[in-house]
Amino acid sequence: MKKTTNIALATAVTGLIALAGTTLTTTTAVAAEEKEKCYGVVKAGKNDCATKTSSCAGTSKTDGQKDAFVMVPKGLCDRLVGSSKEAK
């Protein structure tokens, strides 16, 4: 009976690990699809990518720089003061 219990426990743990891996993969894929660029709300030096006036991420010069963006959850950009979905 002890061997049966160990096999059942090992099977249950393996199943939970597989389920957690599947959930993590699915969550990551969904999260990546539900983001959008939000321009004009980034703090200086916190932008996600290059702009017209800076060469790479983290190099925006001023707070609220109109051509600097940050990735936010879809729908949030519309709620932020001074934000835009397009560079200006």
N, C-alpha and C. Protein backbone atom coordinates (compact mmCIF):
# COMPACT_ATOMS: atom_id res chain seq x y z
N MET A 1 0.82 -1.19 0.00
CA MET A 1 0.00 0.00 0.00
C MET A 1 0.87 1.26 0.00
N LYS A 2 2.02 1.23 0.63
CA LYS A 2 2.89 2.39 0.68
C LYS A 2 3.38 2.78 -0.71
N LYS A 3 3.72 1.79 -1.53
CA LYS A 3 4.20 2.07 -2.89
C LYS A 3 3.10 2.72 -3.72
N THR A 4 1.86 2.29 -3.54
CA THR A 4 0.72 2.86 -4.26
C THR A 4 0.53 4.32 -3.88
N THR A 5 0.69 4.65 -2.63
CA THR A 5 0.54 6.03 -2.15
C THR A 5 1.62 6.92 -2.76
N ASN A 6 2.85 6.43 -2.80
CA ASN A 6 3.95 7.22 -3.39
C ASN A 6 3.72 7.47 -4.87
N ILE A 7 3.24 6.46 -5.58
CA ILE A 7 2.97 6.62 -7.01
C ILE A 7 1.84 7.63 -7.22
N ALA A 8 0.80 7.55 -6.42
CA ALA A 8 -0.32 8.48 -6.54
C ALA A 8 0.13 9.90 -6.23
N LEU A 9 0.94 10.07 -5.22
CA LEU A 9 1.45 11.39 -4.85
C LEU A 9 2.34 11.96 -5.97
N ALA A 10 3.22 11.13 -6.52
CA ALA A 10 4.10 11.57 -7.60
C ALA A 10 3.29 11.97 -8.83
N THR A 11 2.26 11.22 -9.14
CA THR A 11 1.39 11.53 -10.27
C THR A 11 0.67 12.86 -10.06
N ALA A 12 0.17 13.08 -8.84
CA ALA A 12 -0.54 14.32 -8.54
C ALA A 12 0.39 15.52 -8.65
N VAL A 13 1.60 15.41 -8.13
CA VAL A 13 2.56 16.51 -8.18
C VAL A 13 2.94 16.80 -9.64
N THR A 14 3.18 15.77 -10.41
CA THR A 14 3.53 15.94 -11.82
C THR A 14 2.40 16.64 -12.58
N GLY A 15 1.17 16.26 -12.29
CA GLY A 15 0.02 16.89 -12.92
C GLY A 15 -0.09 18.37 -12.58
N LEU A 16 0.15 18.70 -11.31
CA LEU A 16 0.10 20.11 -10.89
C LEU A 16 1.18 20.94 -11.56
N ILE A 17 2.37 20.38 -11.69
CA ILE A 17 3.46 21.09 -12.35
C ILE A 17 3.12 21.33 -13.83
N ALA A 18 2.57 20.32 -14.48
CA ALA A 18 2.19 20.48 -15.88
C ALA A 18 1.10 21.53 -16.04
N LEU A 19 0.12 21.52 -15.14
CA LEU A 19 -0.96 22.50 -15.18
C LEU A 19 -0.43 23.91 -14.97
N ALA A 20 0.47 24.07 -14.02
CA ALA A 20 1.06 25.40 -13.75
C ALA A 20 1.83 25.90 -14.96
N GLY A 21 2.58 25.03 -15.63
CA GLY A 21 3.33 25.41 -16.82
C GLY A 21 2.41 25.85 -17.94
N THR A 22 1.33 25.13 -18.14
CA THR A 22 0.36 25.47 -19.18
C THR A 22 -0.30 26.81 -18.88
N THR A 23 -0.69 27.02 -17.64
CA THR A 23 -1.33 28.27 -17.24
C THR A 23 -0.38 29.45 -17.43
N LEU A 24 0.87 29.29 -17.05
CA LEU A 24 1.85 30.36 -17.18
C LEU A 24 2.07 30.71 -18.65
N THR A 25 2.17 29.72 -19.50
CA THR A 25 2.36 29.96 -20.93
C THR A 25 1.17 30.69 -21.53
N THR A 26 -0.02 30.26 -21.19
CA THR A 26 -1.24 30.88 -21.70
C THR A 26 -1.37 32.31 -21.21
N THR A 27 -1.12 32.55 -19.94
CA THR A 27 -1.22 33.89 -19.36
C THR A 27 -0.23 34.84 -20.02
N THR A 28 0.99 34.39 -20.26
CA THR A 28 2.00 35.23 -20.90
C THR A 28 1.58 35.61 -22.31
N ALA A 29 1.05 34.68 -23.06
CA ALA A 29 0.63 34.95 -24.44
C ALA A 29 -0.52 35.94 -24.47
N VAL A 30 -1.48 35.80 -23.58
CA VAL A 30 -2.63 36.70 -23.53
C VAL A 30 -2.17 38.09 -23.10
N ALA A 31 -1.30 38.16 -22.10
CA ALA A 31 -0.83 39.45 -21.60
C ALA A 31 -0.09 40.22 -22.69
N ALA A 32 0.68 39.54 -23.51
CA ALA A 32 1.43 40.20 -24.57
C ALA A 32 0.50 40.80 -25.62
N GLU A 33 -0.63 40.19 -25.86
CA GLU A 33 -1.56 40.67 -26.87
C GLU A 33 -2.41 41.84 -26.37
N GLU A 34 -2.53 42.01 -25.09
CA GLU A 34 -3.43 43.01 -24.53
C GLU A 34 -2.70 44.25 -24.04
N LYS A 35 -1.67 44.66 -24.75
CA LYS A 35 -0.92 45.88 -24.41
C LYS A 35 -0.96 46.82 -25.60
N GLU A 36 -0.76 48.10 -25.32
CA GLU A 36 -0.71 49.10 -26.39
C GLU A 36 0.30 50.18 -26.04
N LYS A 37 0.78 50.87 -27.06
CA LYS A 37 1.72 51.97 -26.86
C LYS A 37 0.94 53.19 -26.39
N CYS A 38 1.49 53.88 -25.39
CA CYS A 38 0.86 55.09 -24.88
C CYS A 38 1.92 56.20 -24.87
N TYR A 39 1.71 57.20 -25.71
CA TYR A 39 2.66 58.30 -25.87
C TYR A 39 2.31 59.48 -24.97
N GLY A 40 3.34 60.23 -24.58
CA GLY A 40 3.14 61.49 -23.88
C GLY A 40 2.95 61.40 -22.38
N VAL A 41 3.10 60.24 -21.78
CA VAL A 41 2.89 60.10 -20.34
C VAL A 41 4.12 59.56 -19.61
N VAL A 42 5.19 59.36 -20.33
CA VAL A 42 6.39 58.73 -19.78
C VAL A 42 7.24 59.74 -19.00
N LYS A 43 7.77 59.30 -17.88
CA LYS A 43 8.74 60.11 -17.14
C LYS A 43 10.07 60.11 -17.89
N ALA A 44 10.86 61.14 -17.73
CA ALA A 44 12.15 61.23 -18.40
C ALA A 44 12.99 59.99 -18.08
N GLY A 45 13.55 59.39 -19.13
CA GLY A 45 14.41 58.23 -18.96
C GLY A 45 13.69 56.92 -18.74
N LYS A 46 12.38 56.88 -18.89
CA LYS A 46 11.61 55.66 -18.63
C LYS A 46 10.87 55.14 -19.86
N ASN A 47 11.16 55.66 -21.04
CA ASN A 47 10.47 55.21 -22.25
C ASN A 47 10.86 53.78 -22.61
N ASP A 48 9.98 53.11 -23.35
CA ASP A 48 10.20 51.71 -23.71
C ASP A 48 11.02 51.50 -24.97
N CYS A 49 11.13 52.47 -25.83
CA CYS A 49 11.84 52.26 -27.09
C CYS A 49 12.37 53.59 -27.63
N ALA A 50 13.06 53.53 -28.75
CA ALA A 50 13.63 54.73 -29.36
C ALA A 50 12.54 55.72 -29.75
N THR A 51 12.90 56.99 -29.81
CA THR A 51 11.99 58.05 -30.23
C THR A 51 12.64 58.83 -31.37
N LYS A 52 11.98 59.87 -31.83
CA LYS A 52 12.56 60.71 -32.88
C LYS A 52 13.81 61.44 -32.38
N THR A 53 13.85 61.72 -31.08
CA THR A 53 14.94 62.51 -30.53
C THR A 53 15.88 61.74 -29.61
N SER A 54 15.64 60.45 -29.40
CA SER A 54 16.54 59.64 -28.59
C SER A 54 16.71 58.27 -29.24
N SER A 55 17.86 57.66 -29.00
CA SER A 55 18.24 56.48 -29.79
C SER A 55 17.78 55.14 -29.24
N CYS A 56 17.40 55.05 -27.97
CA CYS A 56 16.99 53.74 -27.45
C CYS A 56 16.12 53.90 -26.20
N ALA A 57 15.68 52.77 -25.67
CA ALA A 57 14.83 52.78 -24.47
C ALA A 57 15.54 53.46 -23.31
N GLY A 58 14.77 54.15 -22.49
CA GLY A 58 15.31 54.78 -21.30
C GLY A 58 16.09 56.06 -21.56
N THR A 59 15.89 56.67 -22.72
CA THR A 59 16.67 57.88 -23.04
C THR A 59 15.82 59.10 -23.34
N SER A 60 14.53 59.07 -23.01
CA SER A 60 13.72 60.27 -23.23
C SER A 60 14.25 61.38 -22.34
N LYS A 61 14.18 62.59 -22.84
CA LYS A 61 14.82 63.73 -22.16
C LYS A 61 13.92 64.44 -21.15
N THR A 62 12.61 64.46 -21.39
CA THR A 62 11.71 65.22 -20.52
C THR A 62 10.50 64.39 -20.12
N ASP A 63 9.87 64.74 -19.03
CA ASP A 63 8.60 64.12 -18.63
C ASP A 63 7.54 64.47 -19.67
N GLY A 64 6.72 63.51 -20.05
CA GLY A 64 5.63 63.76 -20.98
C GLY A 64 6.07 64.02 -22.40
N GLN A 65 7.27 63.60 -22.77
CA GLN A 65 7.77 63.80 -24.13
C GLN A 65 6.78 63.18 -25.12
N LYS A 66 6.33 63.97 -26.09
CA LYS A 66 5.23 63.58 -26.98
C LYS A 66 5.56 62.40 -27.91
N ASP A 67 6.83 62.13 -28.19
CA ASP A 67 7.17 61.02 -29.07
C ASP A 67 7.70 59.79 -28.33
N ALA A 68 7.71 59.84 -26.99
CA ALA A 68 8.16 58.71 -26.18
C ALA A 68 6.95 57.92 -25.69
N PHE A 69 7.06 56.59 -25.74
CA PHE A 69 5.93 55.77 -25.30
C PHE A 69 6.33 54.75 -24.25
N VAL A 70 5.32 54.24 -23.60
CA VAL A 70 5.45 53.13 -22.66
C VAL A 70 4.31 52.16 -22.97
N MET A 71 4.56 50.87 -22.85
CA MET A 71 3.53 49.87 -23.09
C MET A 71 2.64 49.78 -21.84
N VAL A 72 1.34 49.88 -22.05
CA VAL A 72 0.37 49.82 -20.95
C VAL A 72 -0.72 48.81 -21.30
N PRO A 73 -1.46 48.33 -20.31
CA PRO A 73 -2.58 47.44 -20.61
C PRO A 73 -3.58 48.13 -21.54
N LYS A 74 -4.13 47.37 -22.48
CA LYS A 74 -5.06 47.92 -23.46
C LYS A 74 -6.22 48.63 -22.76
N GLY A 75 -6.52 49.85 -23.18
CA GLY A 75 -7.61 50.64 -22.62
C GLY A 75 -7.16 51.65 -21.58
N LEU A 76 -5.99 51.47 -20.99
CA LEU A 76 -5.50 52.38 -19.96
C LEU A 76 -5.08 53.73 -20.55
N CYS A 77 -4.49 53.73 -21.71
CA CYS A 77 -3.99 54.97 -22.30
C CYS A 77 -5.09 56.01 -22.45
N ASP A 78 -6.28 55.57 -22.81
CA ASP A 78 -7.40 56.50 -22.97
C ASP A 78 -7.76 57.21 -21.67
N ARG A 79 -7.40 56.65 -20.55
CA ARG A 79 -7.75 57.21 -19.23
C ARG A 79 -6.69 58.15 -18.66
N LEU A 80 -5.52 58.19 -19.25
CA LEU A 80 -4.42 58.98 -18.71
C LEU A 80 -4.41 60.39 -19.30
N VAL A 81 -4.29 61.39 -18.45
CA VAL A 81 -4.27 62.78 -18.89
C VAL A 81 -3.02 63.04 -19.73
N GLY A 82 -3.21 63.66 -20.87
CA GLY A 82 -2.10 64.02 -21.75
C GLY A 82 -1.61 62.87 -22.61
N SER A 83 -2.30 61.76 -22.61
CA SER A 83 -1.84 60.59 -23.36
C SER A 83 -2.36 60.61 -24.79
N SER A 84 -1.69 59.82 -25.62
CA SER A 84 -2.08 59.66 -27.01
C SER A 84 -1.67 58.27 -27.48
N LYS A 85 -2.39 57.71 -28.41
CA LYS A 85 -2.00 56.42 -28.97
C LYS A 85 -1.08 56.58 -30.18
N GLU A 86 -0.79 57.81 -30.54
CA GLU A 86 0.10 58.11 -31.67
C GLU A 86 1.12 59.15 -31.24
N ALA A 87 2.33 59.03 -31.78
CA ALA A 87 3.38 60.02 -31.49
C ALA A 87 3.01 61.36 -32.10
N LYS A 88 3.36 62.42 -31.41
CA LYS A 88 3.08 63.77 -31.91
C LYS A 88 4.35 64.53 -32.13
